[in-house]
Amino acid sequence: MATRLAVRLTPRGGRDAAEGWARDEKGQPYLKARVAAPPVEGAANEALVAMIAKALKVGRRSVRIVAGDQSRLKILEIDGVIEADLERVFGQP
């Protein structure tokens, strides 16, 4: 079973960090994240996957971008993680 996580990514953000939650115009929560990598040849996506995997203490292969790999808003699927794990690591949405 995989848990889905919406993330709004800012590439070339100076450092790799999750910066809390926000809501889109429909009221859906998403995690704000930044990475130092540029959005070139998937480097920013790779950095995001690595950062999320490290924060949740799962392997990189457990984190996949399933939608939005070319846009700022991405949908991730994470194996071996439940909603409570996301809240414990990233706070309440």
N, C-alpha and C. Protein backbone atom coordinates (compact mmCIF):
# COMPACT_ATOMS: atom_id res chain seq x y z
N MET A 1 0.84 -1.19 0.00
CA MET A 1 0.00 0.00 0.00
C MET A 1 0.88 1.25 0.00
N ALA A 2 0.52 2.22 -0.82
CA ALA A 2 1.30 3.45 -0.93
C ALA A 2 0.46 4.64 -0.48
N THR A 3 1.11 5.58 0.16
CA THR A 3 0.47 6.82 0.59
C THR A 3 0.82 7.90 -0.42
N ARG A 4 -0.15 8.72 -0.77
CA ARG A 4 0.09 9.82 -1.72
C ARG A 4 0.38 11.11 -0.98
N LEU A 5 1.30 11.89 -1.53
CA LEU A 5 1.70 13.17 -0.95
C LEU A 5 1.82 14.19 -2.07
N ALA A 6 1.10 15.29 -1.96
CA ALA A 6 1.22 16.40 -2.92
C ALA A 6 2.33 17.32 -2.44
N VAL A 7 3.22 17.70 -3.35
CA VAL A 7 4.35 18.56 -3.02
C VAL A 7 4.47 19.67 -4.05
N ARG A 8 4.66 20.90 -3.59
CA ARG A 8 4.97 22.01 -4.49
C ARG A 8 6.47 22.28 -4.35
N LEU A 9 7.19 22.03 -5.42
CA LEU A 9 8.66 22.08 -5.38
C LEU A 9 9.20 23.38 -5.93
N THR A 10 10.16 23.94 -5.21
CA THR A 10 10.91 25.11 -5.69
C THR A 10 12.34 24.66 -5.95
N PRO A 11 12.72 24.51 -7.23
CA PRO A 11 14.11 24.16 -7.54
C PRO A 11 15.02 25.38 -7.37
N ARG A 12 16.32 25.15 -7.29
CA ARG A 12 17.31 26.21 -7.07
C ARG A 12 16.95 27.03 -5.84
N GLY A 13 16.48 26.34 -4.80
CA GLY A 13 16.02 27.03 -3.60
C GLY A 13 17.11 27.28 -2.58
N GLY A 14 18.36 26.98 -2.92
CA GLY A 14 19.47 27.26 -2.01
C GLY A 14 19.82 26.12 -1.08
N ARG A 15 18.81 25.35 -0.67
CA ARG A 15 19.05 24.22 0.23
C ARG A 15 17.89 23.24 0.05
N ASP A 16 18.08 22.03 0.56
CA ASP A 16 17.03 21.02 0.51
C ASP A 16 16.26 21.05 1.82
N ALA A 17 14.96 21.38 1.76
CA ALA A 17 14.17 21.47 2.98
C ALA A 17 12.69 21.40 2.68
N ALA A 18 11.95 20.83 3.62
CA ALA A 18 10.49 20.90 3.61
C ALA A 18 10.12 22.13 4.43
N GLU A 19 9.17 22.91 3.94
CA GLU A 19 8.87 24.19 4.58
C GLU A 19 7.43 24.32 5.03
N GLY A 20 6.83 23.22 5.40
CA GLY A 20 5.48 23.28 5.94
C GLY A 20 4.41 23.08 4.89
N TRP A 21 3.17 23.24 5.32
CA TRP A 21 2.01 22.94 4.50
C TRP A 21 1.33 24.20 4.01
N ALA A 22 0.65 24.09 2.88
CA ALA A 22 -0.22 25.13 2.35
C ALA A 22 -1.41 24.42 1.71
N ARG A 23 -2.37 25.21 1.25
CA ARG A 23 -3.55 24.62 0.59
C ARG A 23 -3.73 25.27 -0.77
N ASP A 24 -4.17 24.45 -1.75
CA ASP A 24 -4.44 24.98 -3.08
C ASP A 24 -5.81 25.66 -3.10
N GLU A 25 -6.21 26.14 -4.27
CA GLU A 25 -7.48 26.87 -4.37
C GLU A 25 -8.70 26.00 -4.06
N LYS A 26 -8.55 24.68 -4.13
CA LYS A 26 -9.65 23.77 -3.80
C LYS A 26 -9.61 23.35 -2.32
N GLY A 27 -8.62 23.84 -1.58
CA GLY A 27 -8.50 23.50 -0.17
C GLY A 27 -7.71 22.22 0.10
N GLN A 28 -7.12 21.65 -0.94
CA GLN A 28 -6.33 20.43 -0.77
C GLN A 28 -4.94 20.79 -0.22
N PRO A 29 -4.47 20.06 0.80
CA PRO A 29 -3.15 20.38 1.36
C PRO A 29 -2.01 19.87 0.47
N TYR A 30 -0.92 20.62 0.47
CA TYR A 30 0.31 20.18 -0.19
C TYR A 30 1.50 20.63 0.66
N LEU A 31 2.57 19.87 0.56
CA LEU A 31 3.80 20.18 1.28
C LEU A 31 4.64 21.11 0.43
N LYS A 32 5.13 22.20 1.02
CA LYS A 32 6.04 23.09 0.31
C LYS A 32 7.46 22.59 0.53
N ALA A 33 8.21 22.44 -0.56
CA ALA A 33 9.58 21.95 -0.45
C ALA A 33 10.48 22.72 -1.40
N ARG A 34 11.74 22.81 -1.04
CA ARG A 34 12.74 23.43 -1.91
C ARG A 34 13.96 22.53 -1.99
N VAL A 35 14.63 22.57 -3.12
CA VAL A 35 15.88 21.83 -3.29
C VAL A 35 16.90 22.75 -3.95
N ALA A 36 18.15 22.48 -3.71
CA ALA A 36 19.21 23.30 -4.28
C ALA A 36 19.43 22.99 -5.76
N ALA A 37 19.07 21.79 -6.20
CA ALA A 37 19.30 21.35 -7.57
C ALA A 37 18.46 22.15 -8.57
N PRO A 38 19.00 22.35 -9.77
CA PRO A 38 18.23 23.04 -10.82
C PRO A 38 17.25 22.08 -11.48
N PRO A 39 16.22 22.62 -12.15
CA PRO A 39 15.24 21.76 -12.82
C PRO A 39 15.74 21.30 -14.19
N VAL A 40 16.91 20.71 -14.23
CA VAL A 40 17.53 20.29 -15.48
C VAL A 40 17.76 18.78 -15.44
N GLU A 41 17.27 18.10 -16.47
CA GLU A 41 17.46 16.65 -16.62
C GLU A 41 17.02 15.87 -15.37
N GLY A 42 15.96 16.33 -14.73
CA GLY A 42 15.42 15.60 -13.59
C GLY A 42 16.19 15.76 -12.28
N ALA A 43 17.16 16.66 -12.24
CA ALA A 43 17.98 16.81 -11.03
C ALA A 43 17.15 17.25 -9.83
N ALA A 44 16.24 18.19 -10.03
CA ALA A 44 15.41 18.67 -8.91
C ALA A 44 14.48 17.56 -8.42
N ASN A 45 13.91 16.78 -9.35
CA ASN A 45 13.05 15.67 -8.96
C ASN A 45 13.82 14.63 -8.16
N GLU A 46 15.04 14.32 -8.60
CA GLU A 46 15.87 13.35 -7.89
C GLU A 46 16.19 13.84 -6.47
N ALA A 47 16.49 15.13 -6.36
CA ALA A 47 16.79 15.70 -5.04
C ALA A 47 15.56 15.65 -4.14
N LEU A 48 14.38 15.91 -4.71
CA LEU A 48 13.15 15.84 -3.93
C LEU A 48 12.91 14.41 -3.43
N VAL A 49 13.04 13.43 -4.29
CA VAL A 49 12.85 12.03 -3.90
C VAL A 49 13.81 11.65 -2.78
N ALA A 50 15.08 12.05 -2.93
CA ALA A 50 16.09 11.73 -1.91
C ALA A 50 15.75 12.40 -0.58
N MET A 51 15.33 13.65 -0.62
CA MET A 51 15.01 14.38 0.60
C MET A 51 13.81 13.76 1.33
N ILE A 52 12.76 13.44 0.59
CA ILE A 52 11.56 12.85 1.19
C ILE A 52 11.88 11.47 1.76
N ALA A 53 12.64 10.67 1.01
CA ALA A 53 13.01 9.32 1.48
C ALA A 53 13.82 9.41 2.77
N LYS A 54 14.77 10.33 2.82
CA LYS A 54 15.61 10.48 4.02
C LYS A 54 14.77 10.94 5.21
N ALA A 55 13.88 11.90 4.99
CA ALA A 55 13.06 12.42 6.08
C ALA A 55 12.14 11.34 6.66
N LEU A 56 11.61 10.49 5.79
CA LEU A 56 10.68 9.45 6.23
C LEU A 56 11.39 8.13 6.57
N LYS A 57 12.73 8.11 6.40
CA LYS A 57 13.53 6.93 6.70
C LYS A 57 13.08 5.69 5.92
N VAL A 58 12.87 5.91 4.62
CA VAL A 58 12.57 4.80 3.70
C VAL A 58 13.59 4.86 2.57
N GLY A 59 13.69 3.78 1.81
CA GLY A 59 14.60 3.75 0.67
C GLY A 59 14.12 4.65 -0.46
N ARG A 60 15.05 5.12 -1.28
CA ARG A 60 14.70 5.98 -2.41
C ARG A 60 13.74 5.30 -3.37
N ARG A 61 13.85 3.98 -3.48
CA ARG A 61 12.96 3.25 -4.39
C ARG A 61 11.52 3.23 -3.89
N SER A 62 11.32 3.56 -2.62
CA SER A 62 9.96 3.58 -2.05
C SER A 62 9.22 4.87 -2.40
N VAL A 63 9.93 5.86 -2.94
CA VAL A 63 9.32 7.16 -3.27
C VAL A 63 9.32 7.33 -4.78
N ARG A 64 8.11 7.57 -5.33
CA ARG A 64 7.97 7.74 -6.78
C ARG A 64 7.15 8.99 -7.08
N ILE A 65 7.53 9.70 -8.14
CA ILE A 65 6.71 10.80 -8.63
C ILE A 65 5.74 10.19 -9.64
N VAL A 66 4.44 10.24 -9.31
CA VAL A 66 3.44 9.61 -10.18
C VAL A 66 2.69 10.62 -11.03
N ALA A 67 2.81 11.89 -10.72
CA ALA A 67 2.17 12.93 -11.53
C ALA A 67 2.93 14.24 -11.33
N GLY A 68 3.01 15.04 -12.40
CA GLY A 68 3.60 16.36 -12.30
C GLY A 68 5.11 16.42 -12.36
N ASP A 69 5.74 15.42 -12.99
CA ASP A 69 7.21 15.44 -13.00
C ASP A 69 7.78 16.63 -13.76
N GLN A 70 6.98 17.29 -14.61
CA GLN A 70 7.45 18.48 -15.33
C GLN A 70 6.87 19.78 -14.76
N SER A 71 6.07 19.68 -13.71
CA SER A 71 5.46 20.89 -13.13
C SER A 71 5.93 21.09 -11.69
N ARG A 72 5.56 22.21 -11.11
CA ARG A 72 5.98 22.49 -9.73
C ARG A 72 5.19 21.67 -8.72
N LEU A 73 3.91 21.40 -9.03
CA LEU A 73 3.08 20.60 -8.13
C LEU A 73 3.18 19.14 -8.54
N LYS A 74 3.67 18.32 -7.64
CA LYS A 74 3.92 16.91 -7.93
C LYS A 74 3.12 16.03 -6.97
N ILE A 75 2.76 14.85 -7.43
CA ILE A 75 2.12 13.86 -6.58
C ILE A 75 3.12 12.72 -6.41
N LEU A 76 3.46 12.43 -5.16
CA LEU A 76 4.38 11.35 -4.85
C LEU A 76 3.60 10.18 -4.28
N GLU A 77 4.06 8.97 -4.56
CA GLU A 77 3.57 7.77 -3.90
C GLU A 77 4.72 7.23 -3.09
N ILE A 78 4.44 6.92 -1.82
CA ILE A 78 5.48 6.47 -0.91
C ILE A 78 5.06 5.14 -0.31
N ASP A 79 5.86 4.10 -0.55
CA ASP A 79 5.57 2.78 0.00
C ASP A 79 6.04 2.68 1.44
N GLY A 80 5.28 1.95 2.26
CA GLY A 80 5.69 1.69 3.63
C GLY A 80 5.48 2.83 4.59
N VAL A 81 4.65 3.80 4.21
CA VAL A 81 4.41 4.98 5.04
C VAL A 81 2.90 5.19 5.13
N ILE A 82 2.43 5.59 6.31
CA ILE A 82 1.02 5.92 6.48
C ILE A 82 0.88 7.42 6.76
N GLU A 83 -0.36 7.90 6.72
CA GLU A 83 -0.61 9.34 6.94
C GLU A 83 0.00 9.83 8.25
N ALA A 84 -0.08 9.01 9.30
CA ALA A 84 0.46 9.41 10.61
C ALA A 84 1.97 9.66 10.53
N ASP A 85 2.68 8.89 9.69
CA ASP A 85 4.13 9.11 9.52
C ASP A 85 4.39 10.47 8.88
N LEU A 86 3.57 10.83 7.89
CA LEU A 86 3.73 12.13 7.24
C LEU A 86 3.52 13.26 8.25
N GLU A 87 2.49 13.13 9.08
CA GLU A 87 2.22 14.17 10.08
C GLU A 87 3.33 14.23 11.13
N ARG A 88 3.88 13.09 11.50
CA ARG A 88 4.94 13.06 12.51
C ARG A 88 6.19 13.77 11.98
N VAL A 89 6.51 13.56 10.72
CA VAL A 89 7.74 14.13 10.14
C VAL A 89 7.54 15.57 9.67
N PHE A 90 6.43 15.85 9.00
CA PHE A 90 6.24 17.16 8.37
C PHE A 90 5.22 18.06 9.07
N GLY A 91 4.59 17.54 10.13
CA GLY A 91 3.60 18.32 10.85
C GLY A 91 2.21 18.12 10.30
N GLN A 92 1.25 18.78 10.94
CA GLN A 92 -0.16 18.67 10.56
C GLN A 92 -0.44 19.50 9.31
N PRO A 93 -1.12 18.91 8.31
CA PRO A 93 -1.45 19.71 7.11
C PRO A 93 -2.47 20.80 7.39
